[in-house]
N, C-alpha and C. Protein backbone atom coordinates (compact mmCIF):
# COMPACT_ATOMS: atom_id res chain seq x y z
N MET A 1 86.22 98.86 98.61
CA MET A 1 86.84 97.36 97.22
C MET A 1 86.46 97.86 95.91
N ALA A 2 87.18 98.03 95.16
CA ALA A 2 87.15 98.15 93.84
C ALA A 2 86.68 97.27 92.93
N HIS A 3 86.02 97.07 91.69
CA HIS A 3 85.33 96.40 91.32
C HIS A 3 86.66 94.85 90.49
N PRO A 4 87.11 93.53 90.82
CA PRO A 4 87.81 93.18 90.31
C PRO A 4 88.69 93.52 89.13
N LEU A 5 88.14 93.75 87.72
CA LEU A 5 88.28 94.29 86.90
C LEU A 5 88.99 95.60 86.32
N VAL A 6 88.67 96.08 87.68
CA VAL A 6 88.78 97.52 87.14
C VAL A 6 90.37 97.80 88.48
N ASP A 7 90.39 96.68 89.09
CA ASP A 7 91.75 96.81 90.06
C ASP A 7 92.58 96.31 89.07
N GLU A 8 92.17 95.00 88.17
CA GLU A 8 92.91 94.98 86.89
C GLU A 8 93.03 95.53 86.03
N VAL A 9 92.52 96.46 85.61
CA VAL A 9 92.65 97.24 84.33
C VAL A 9 93.37 98.60 84.96
N MET A 10 93.70 99.22 86.31
CA MET A 10 94.16 100.01 86.55
C MET A 10 95.73 99.70 86.70
N LYS A 11 95.96 98.46 86.48
CA LYS A 11 97.32 98.04 87.20
C LYS A 11 98.10 98.25 85.53
N LYS A 12 96.84 98.46 84.57
CA LYS A 12 97.56 98.00 83.25
C LYS A 12 97.75 99.36 82.12
N VAL A 13 96.72 100.74 82.77
CA VAL A 13 96.73 101.75 82.50
C VAL A 13 97.77 102.55 81.89
N ALA A 14 97.43 102.99 80.45
CA ALA A 14 98.72 104.18 80.93
C ALA A 14 97.82 105.61 79.78
N VAL A 15 96.57 105.29 79.19
CA VAL A 15 96.38 106.16 79.13
C VAL A 15 94.55 105.74 79.18
N ALA A 16 93.84 106.96 79.59
CA ALA A 16 92.35 106.65 79.88
C ALA A 16 91.96 107.73 79.25
N TRP A 17 90.75 107.30 79.06
CA TRP A 17 89.29 108.42 78.41
C TRP A 17 88.80 108.87 79.92
N LEU A 18 88.38 110.41 80.05
CA LEU A 18 88.19 110.89 81.06
C LEU A 18 86.58 111.59 80.46
N THR A 19 85.46 111.43 81.33
CA THR A 19 84.16 112.14 81.04
C THR A 19 84.58 113.02 82.38
N VAL A 20 84.16 114.13 82.08
CA VAL A 20 84.32 115.19 83.06
C VAL A 20 82.89 116.18 83.00
N GLU A 21 82.24 116.10 83.74
CA GLU A 21 80.40 116.83 84.38
C GLU A 21 80.13 115.95 82.35
N SER A 22 79.67 117.13 81.81
CA SER A 22 78.87 116.85 80.52
C SER A 22 79.76 116.95 79.24
N GLN A 23 80.71 117.53 79.73
CA GLN A 23 82.21 117.43 78.31
C GLN A 23 82.49 116.28 77.71
N PRO A 24 82.52 116.48 76.33
CA PRO A 24 82.78 115.04 75.88
C PRO A 24 84.33 114.43 75.89
N ALA A 25 84.09 112.97 76.10
CA ALA A 25 85.43 112.39 76.64
C ALA A 25 86.89 112.56 75.60
N TYR A 26 87.63 112.84 76.83
CA TYR A 26 89.44 113.32 76.08
C TYR A 26 90.28 112.22 76.76
N ALA A 27 91.19 111.62 75.58
CA ALA A 27 92.11 110.82 76.69
C ALA A 27 93.46 111.55 77.63
N VAL A 28 94.07 111.36 78.09
CA VAL A 28 94.86 111.33 78.97
C VAL A 28 95.47 110.44 79.53
N TRP A 29 97.52 110.78 79.40
CA TRP A 29 98.04 109.75 80.12
C TRP A 29 98.22 109.75 81.08
N CYS A 30 98.37 108.72 82.00
CA CYS A 30 98.25 108.60 83.73
C CYS A 30 98.97 107.42 83.97
N LEU A 31 99.23 107.04 85.62
CA LEU A 31 99.84 105.96 85.77
C LEU A 31 99.03 105.60 87.46
N ALA A 32 99.42 104.42 87.66
CA ALA A 32 98.25 104.08 88.48
C ALA A 32 99.37 103.68 89.58
N VAL A 33 98.74 103.99 90.74
CA VAL A 33 99.61 103.89 92.15
C VAL A 33 98.66 103.69 93.10
N ASP A 34 98.91 102.52 94.11
CA ASP A 34 98.23 102.62 95.25
C ASP A 34 97.01 102.30 95.04
N GLY A 35 96.37 102.00 93.93
CA GLY A 35 95.09 101.78 93.83
C GLY A 35 93.72 103.36 93.21
N GLY A 36 94.45 104.27 93.21
CA GLY A 36 94.77 105.22 92.36
C GLY A 36 95.25 105.48 91.08
N VAL A 37 94.63 106.31 90.12
CA VAL A 37 94.86 106.56 88.95
C VAL A 37 95.23 108.06 88.82
N TYR A 38 96.62 108.67 88.70
CA TYR A 38 96.87 109.94 88.68
C TYR A 38 97.12 110.72 87.63
N VAL A 39 96.70 111.84 87.58
CA VAL A 39 96.73 112.41 85.87
C VAL A 39 97.39 114.26 86.19
N VAL A 40 98.53 114.25 85.40
CA VAL A 40 99.29 115.51 85.35
C VAL A 40 98.61 116.76 84.01
N SER A 41 98.07 117.93 85.02
CA SER A 41 97.77 119.12 83.82
C SER A 41 97.76 120.00 83.88
N GLY A 42 97.45 121.21 82.96
CA GLY A 42 97.95 122.17 83.09
C GLY A 42 98.63 123.11 82.12
N PRO A 43 99.35 124.28 82.33
CA PRO A 43 100.39 124.78 81.11
C PRO A 43 101.42 123.91 81.15
N GLY A 44 102.12 123.44 80.16
CA GLY A 44 103.37 122.62 79.46
C GLY A 44 102.31 121.37 79.44
N GLU A 45 101.53 121.27 80.36
CA GLU A 45 101.27 119.23 80.23
C GLU A 45 99.72 119.13 79.03
N GLN A 46 99.16 117.94 79.61
CA GLN A 46 98.29 117.71 78.86
C GLN A 46 96.63 118.50 79.42
N ALA A 47 95.70 118.58 78.39
CA ALA A 47 94.67 119.61 78.33
C ALA A 47 93.73 118.60 79.49
N ALA A 48 93.30 118.98 80.56
CA ALA A 48 92.22 118.05 81.21
C ALA A 48 91.41 118.98 81.28
N PRO A 49 90.65 119.58 80.92
CA PRO A 49 89.46 120.81 80.57
C PRO A 49 88.58 119.96 82.30
N GLY A 50 88.24 120.99 83.11
CA GLY A 50 87.62 120.74 84.42
C GLY A 50 87.87 119.62 85.34
N LEU A 51 88.95 119.24 85.26
CA LEU A 51 89.44 117.98 85.76
C LEU A 51 89.93 118.76 87.33
N ALA A 52 90.54 119.67 87.47
CA ALA A 52 91.32 120.26 88.09
C ALA A 52 90.57 120.78 89.35
N THR A 53 89.11 121.44 89.01
CA THR A 53 87.90 121.41 90.11
C THR A 53 87.15 120.35 90.20
N ALA A 54 87.16 119.31 89.32
CA ALA A 54 86.23 117.96 89.90
C ALA A 54 86.12 117.85 91.10
N SER A 55 84.88 117.56 91.05
CA SER A 55 84.88 115.89 92.36
C SER A 55 84.73 114.99 92.09
N GLU A 56 83.93 114.87 91.02
CA GLU A 56 83.90 113.38 90.50
C GLU A 56 84.55 113.17 88.78
N ALA A 57 84.19 111.76 88.02
CA ALA A 57 83.77 111.74 86.82
C ALA A 57 84.16 110.26 86.26
N THR A 58 84.13 110.20 85.24
CA THR A 58 84.51 108.84 84.56
C THR A 58 85.28 108.46 83.72
N VAL A 59 85.69 107.33 83.89
CA VAL A 59 86.79 106.59 83.09
C VAL A 59 86.69 105.30 82.40
N THR A 60 87.14 105.80 81.32
CA THR A 60 86.87 104.50 79.95
C THR A 60 88.30 103.88 79.75
N ALA A 61 88.40 102.44 79.65
CA ALA A 61 89.61 101.72 79.81
C ALA A 61 89.43 101.10 78.37
N ARG A 62 90.40 101.55 77.29
CA ARG A 62 90.15 100.02 75.95
C ARG A 62 91.61 99.35 76.16
N GLY A 63 91.27 98.95 75.43
CA GLY A 63 92.18 97.53 75.41
C GLY A 63 93.21 97.80 73.86
N ASP A 64 93.89 96.37 74.08
CA ASP A 64 95.20 97.21 72.67
C ASP A 64 94.52 97.70 71.49
N HIS A 65 93.33 96.82 71.24
CA HIS A 65 92.59 96.45 69.66
C HIS A 65 92.09 98.03 69.62
N GLY A 66 91.99 98.91 70.57
CA GLY A 66 91.26 100.05 70.58
C GLY A 66 89.60 100.04 71.28
N GLY A 67 88.93 98.99 71.75
CA GLY A 67 88.13 98.82 71.59
C GLY A 67 87.74 98.99 73.53
N ARG A 68 86.69 98.88 73.30
CA ARG A 68 85.96 99.78 75.25
C ARG A 68 86.04 98.54 76.31
N ILE A 69 86.85 98.42 77.08
CA ILE A 69 86.59 97.41 78.13
C ILE A 69 85.87 97.56 79.12
N ILE A 70 86.13 98.82 79.95
CA ILE A 70 85.58 98.87 81.06
C ILE A 70 85.14 100.29 81.16
N THR A 71 83.85 101.01 81.77
CA THR A 71 84.15 102.35 82.24
C THR A 71 83.40 102.14 83.39
N TRP A 72 84.19 103.15 84.67
CA TRP A 72 83.50 103.68 85.93
C TRP A 72 83.99 104.54 86.34
N PRO A 73 82.81 105.03 87.66
CA PRO A 73 82.96 106.50 87.83
C PRO A 73 84.38 106.22 89.53
N VAL A 74 84.31 107.55 89.38
CA VAL A 74 85.46 107.36 89.89
C VAL A 74 85.46 109.21 91.04
N THR A 75 86.18 109.30 91.82
CA THR A 75 85.88 110.64 92.44
C THR A 75 87.72 111.17 92.81
N VAL A 76 87.31 112.19 92.10
CA VAL A 76 88.77 112.94 92.30
C VAL A 76 89.00 114.00 93.08
N ALA A 77 90.17 114.32 93.15
CA ALA A 77 91.06 114.58 94.80
C ALA A 77 92.28 115.32 94.03
N ARG A 78 92.64 116.79 94.48
CA ARG A 78 93.92 117.13 94.05
C ARG A 78 94.53 116.71 95.02
N VAL A 79 95.90 116.51 94.37
CA VAL A 79 97.06 115.98 95.33
C VAL A 79 97.87 117.19 95.35
N MET A 80 97.79 117.82 96.84
CA MET A 80 99.03 119.11 97.08
C MET A 80 100.15 118.63 97.04
N PRO A 81 101.05 119.83 96.59
CA PRO A 81 102.56 119.87 96.82
C PRO A 81 103.01 119.68 98.60
N ASP A 82 103.83 119.01 98.98
CA ASP A 82 104.46 118.97 100.42
C ASP A 82 103.60 118.54 101.23
N THR A 83 102.80 117.09 100.29
CA THR A 83 102.81 116.26 101.41
C THR A 83 102.52 114.71 100.61
N GLU A 84 102.44 113.79 101.51
CA GLU A 84 103.27 112.98 102.04
C GLU A 84 103.03 111.90 100.71
N GLU A 85 101.77 112.21 100.24
CA GLU A 85 101.13 112.01 98.82
C GLU A 85 101.93 112.50 97.60
N TRP A 86 101.82 114.00 97.59
CA TRP A 86 102.79 114.63 96.76
C TRP A 86 104.29 113.39 96.46
N GLU A 87 104.81 113.47 97.39
CA GLU A 87 106.20 113.00 97.81
C GLU A 87 106.32 111.82 97.38
N THR A 88 105.18 110.82 97.33
CA THR A 88 105.32 109.31 96.74
C THR A 88 105.01 109.21 95.28
N VAL A 89 104.18 110.05 95.13
CA VAL A 89 103.44 109.98 93.59
C VAL A 89 104.34 110.62 92.58
N THR A 90 104.67 112.48 92.59
CA THR A 90 104.65 113.10 91.84
C THR A 90 106.55 112.35 91.21
N PRO A 91 107.47 111.76 91.92
CA PRO A 91 108.55 110.97 91.36
C PRO A 91 108.62 109.98 90.12
N GLN A 92 106.98 109.22 90.78
CA GLN A 92 106.83 108.12 89.60
C GLN A 92 106.28 108.68 88.74
N LEU A 93 105.25 109.80 88.36
CA LEU A 93 105.00 110.51 87.43
C LEU A 93 106.16 110.83 86.58
N ALA A 94 106.92 111.39 87.62
CA ALA A 94 107.99 112.20 86.59
C ALA A 94 108.67 110.92 85.70
N ALA A 95 108.88 110.21 86.28
CA ALA A 95 109.89 109.39 85.95
C ALA A 95 108.99 108.26 84.47
N LYS A 96 107.82 108.66 84.32
CA LYS A 96 107.13 108.19 83.18
C LYS A 96 107.07 109.23 82.16
N ARG A 97 106.82 110.60 82.74
CA ARG A 97 106.43 111.62 81.82
C ARG A 97 107.48 111.55 80.40
N LEU A 98 107.12 111.46 79.24
CA LEU A 98 107.57 111.61 77.97
C LEU A 98 108.24 112.89 77.93
N ASN A 99 109.31 112.95 77.21
CA ASN A 99 109.65 114.40 76.87
C ASN A 99 109.59 115.10 77.98
N ALA A 100 109.77 115.06 78.88
CA ALA A 100 109.82 116.45 79.83
C ALA A 100 111.16 117.52 79.36
N PRO A 101 110.32 118.88 79.36
CA PRO A 101 111.65 119.96 78.96
C PRO A 101 112.83 120.11 79.98
N ALA A 102 112.68 119.31 81.19
CA ALA A 102 113.90 119.43 82.46
C ALA A 102 113.96 118.05 82.75
N ASN A 103 114.72 117.41 83.71
CA ASN A 103 114.54 116.55 84.75
C ASN A 103 113.82 116.63 85.85
N ALA A 104 113.69 115.68 86.12
CA ALA A 104 112.55 115.45 87.37
C ALA A 104 112.38 116.24 88.06
N GLU A 105 113.37 116.69 89.09
CA GLU A 105 113.24 117.44 89.83
C GLU A 105 112.68 119.08 89.35
N ALA A 106 113.11 119.55 88.75
CA ALA A 106 112.62 120.68 87.73
C ALA A 106 111.36 120.47 87.27
N THR A 107 110.88 118.99 86.39
CA THR A 107 109.58 119.19 86.67
C THR A 107 108.88 118.93 87.36
N ILE A 108 109.13 118.59 88.33
CA ILE A 108 108.21 118.59 89.80
C ILE A 108 107.74 119.90 90.09
N ALA A 109 108.78 120.74 89.77
CA ALA A 109 108.94 121.68 90.87
C ALA A 109 107.86 122.31 90.05
N ARG A 110 107.59 122.30 88.82
CA ARG A 110 106.89 122.79 87.99
C ARG A 110 105.62 122.82 88.49
N TRP A 111 105.29 121.16 88.57
CA TRP A 111 103.80 120.94 88.85
C TRP A 111 103.32 121.71 89.49
N ALA A 112 104.07 122.08 90.71
CA ALA A 112 103.64 122.40 92.42
C ALA A 112 103.34 123.58 91.82
N ALA A 113 103.96 124.69 90.90
CA ALA A 113 104.02 125.75 90.83
C ALA A 113 102.83 126.20 90.11
N GLU A 114 102.62 125.58 88.54
CA GLU A 114 101.88 125.92 88.11
C GLU A 114 101.01 124.62 87.25
N CYS A 115 100.92 123.70 87.66
CA CYS A 115 100.00 122.21 87.12
C CYS A 115 98.73 121.73 88.28
N ALA A 116 98.01 120.64 87.84
CA ALA A 116 97.40 120.32 89.04
C ALA A 116 97.76 119.02 89.26
N VAL A 117 97.92 118.27 89.96
CA VAL A 117 97.82 116.51 89.97
C VAL A 117 96.99 115.83 90.69
N SER A 118 95.98 115.51 89.74
CA SER A 118 94.80 114.32 90.24
C SER A 118 94.67 112.84 90.49
N ARG A 119 94.22 112.86 91.36
CA ARG A 119 93.92 111.48 92.18
C ARG A 119 92.46 110.67 91.36
N LEU A 120 91.83 110.19 90.76
CA LEU A 120 91.46 109.46 90.35
C LEU A 120 90.95 108.03 91.29
N ALA A 121 90.00 108.21 92.14
CA ALA A 121 89.46 106.64 92.89
C ALA A 121 88.71 106.29 92.77
N PRO A 122 88.46 105.09 91.95
CA PRO A 122 87.45 104.10 92.14
C PRO A 122 86.18 104.89 92.85
N ALA A 123 84.52 104.58 92.36
CA ALA A 123 83.92 105.33 93.15
C ALA A 123 82.75 104.31 92.79
N GLY A 124 82.36 103.08 93.03
CA GLY A 124 81.68 102.13 92.64
C GLY A 124 81.62 101.36 91.61
N ASP A 125 80.90 100.79 91.40
CA ASP A 125 80.60 99.72 90.54
C ASP A 125 81.05 99.94 89.42
N PRO A 126 81.50 99.73 87.84
CA PRO A 126 81.31 100.10 86.35
C PRO A 126 79.96 100.21 85.82
N THR A 127 79.58 101.22 85.03
CA THR A 127 79.14 101.16 84.14
C THR A 127 78.51 100.32 83.58
N GLU A 128 79.80 100.28 82.65
CA GLU A 128 79.57 99.59 81.20
C GLU A 128 80.83 98.49 81.46
N ILE A 129 80.65 97.27 81.35
CA ILE A 129 81.10 96.36 81.11
C ILE A 129 80.43 95.19 80.55
N GLY A 130 81.10 94.42 79.70
CA GLY A 130 81.22 93.17 79.03
C GLY A 130 79.72 93.15 78.26
N GLY A 131 78.17 92.43 78.12
CA GLY A 131 77.00 92.92 77.47
C GLY A 131 76.60 94.57 77.77
N THR A 132 76.79 94.94 78.84
CA THR A 132 76.17 96.90 78.86
C THR A 132 76.88 97.50 78.23
N LEU A 133 78.15 96.86 77.47
CA LEU A 133 79.16 98.12 76.39
C LEU A 133 78.11 98.09 75.36
N PRO A 134 78.46 99.68 74.91
CA PRO A 134 77.28 99.78 73.85
C PRO A 134 77.63 99.05 72.45
N ASP A 135 76.69 99.04 71.22
CA ASP A 135 76.87 98.40 70.02
C ASP A 135 77.94 99.36 69.35
N GLU A 136 77.35 100.50 69.59
CA GLU A 136 77.77 101.33 68.43
C GLU A 136 79.19 102.06 68.71
N SER A 137 79.67 102.62 68.15
CA SER A 137 81.02 103.49 68.15
C SER A 137 81.49 104.16 69.37
N GLY A 138 80.69 105.45 69.14
CA GLY A 138 80.79 106.05 70.67
C GLY A 138 81.20 107.82 70.04
N ALA A 139 81.51 107.39 68.54
CA ALA A 139 82.33 108.50 67.73
C ALA A 139 81.39 109.86 67.63
N THR A 140 81.98 110.69 67.59
CA THR A 140 81.33 111.85 67.62
C THR A 140 81.60 112.99 66.59
N ALA A 141 80.67 113.53 65.48
CA ALA A 141 81.02 114.40 64.44
C ALA A 141 81.98 115.21 64.82
N VAL A 142 82.90 115.30 64.19
CA VAL A 142 84.42 115.98 64.36
C VAL A 142 83.89 117.66 64.20
N ARG A 143 84.36 118.49 65.90
CA ARG A 143 84.18 119.09 66.15
C ARG A 143 84.40 120.62 64.95
N GLU A 144 83.74 121.93 65.45
CA GLU A 144 84.48 123.00 64.64
C GLU A 144 85.76 123.76 65.47
N THR A 145 86.66 123.93 63.89
CA THR A 145 87.20 124.46 64.73
C THR A 145 88.10 125.49 63.23
N PRO A 146 89.00 126.31 64.17
CA PRO A 146 89.35 127.13 63.15
C PRO A 146 90.59 127.04 62.33
N ALA A 147 90.85 125.56 62.70
CA ALA A 147 92.44 125.33 61.74
C ALA A 147 91.67 124.51 60.49
N ALA A 148 90.31 123.98 60.60
CA ALA A 148 89.90 123.67 59.16
C ALA A 148 89.54 124.93 57.78
N SER A 149 90.43 124.42 56.86
CA SER A 149 90.00 125.82 56.01
C SER A 149 91.19 125.69 54.72
N ARG A 150 90.18 126.00 53.88
CA ARG A 150 90.98 125.37 52.33
C ARG A 150 92.14 125.30 52.39
N THR A 151 92.70 124.58 51.51
CA THR A 151 94.03 124.94 51.20
C THR A 151 94.45 125.20 49.85
N ARG A 152 95.65 126.30 49.74
CA ARG A 152 96.16 126.58 48.66
C ARG A 152 96.65 125.59 47.92
N LYS A 153 96.19 125.94 46.29
CA LYS A 153 97.23 124.79 45.56
C LYS A 153 98.85 124.95 45.66
N PRO A 154 99.56 124.20 45.23
CA PRO A 154 100.71 124.15 45.22
C PRO A 154 101.25 125.20 44.01
N PHE A 155 102.49 125.88 44.62
CA PHE A 155 103.33 126.59 44.02
C PHE A 155 104.22 125.57 42.85
N ARG A 156 103.79 126.29 41.13
CA ARG A 156 104.73 125.51 40.61
C ARG A 156 105.26 126.59 39.52
N LEU A 157 106.96 125.89 39.48
CA LEU A 157 107.65 127.20 38.92
C LEU A 157 108.13 127.43 37.41
N HIS A 158 106.86 126.08 36.47
CA HIS A 158 107.02 126.24 35.13
C HIS A 158 105.58 125.67 34.99
N ARG A 159 105.12 125.89 33.56
CA ARG A 159 104.13 125.41 33.02
C ARG A 159 104.31 123.73 33.12
N VAL A 160 103.35 123.35 33.31
CA VAL A 160 103.62 121.64 32.95
C VAL A 160 102.44 120.90 31.89
N ARG A 161 102.89 120.09 31.00
CA ARG A 161 102.21 119.83 29.91
C ARG A 161 102.09 118.65 29.96
N ARG A 162 100.70 118.50 29.62
CA ARG A 162 99.67 117.50 29.37
C ARG A 162 100.05 116.54 28.90
N PRO A 163 100.28 114.98 28.89
CA PRO A 163 100.57 114.18 27.84
C PRO A 163 99.46 113.99 27.09
N ARG A 164 99.29 113.72 25.72
CA ARG A 164 98.21 113.83 24.68
C ARG A 164 97.59 112.68 24.60
């Protein structure tokens, strides 16, 4: 039995922050179904580094104001195609998938061939809740990226005179 606040949060969560192993937390869209949170990752879907092969992770839910509400441990299980769970969950996930490149049936077939559908089930009491939430923001330094480059000055067709 999960903590009552975890149960309540899982009913309303649409975006959650996952921490898998020692990697930095990242946001994923998800869907709560029957006491679990389901996440689709892979080619053409959201990136979830390490989730498809993980056995445990940590989920953090944030409120409408953006602040952390609760963090809890989860067990990660891959949902396999042609199982009863797959047949129950994937149509619900496909219905919630925004901007899908194809109809629901084609999306589910692509997930079966190329992607991972993972079930995150509560695995214990919350690790951060209420008074145990940290006071600091939790923000990290900007990560290095090749996209951070100096921009060129804008092109000008003629000389602009400055007022005197």
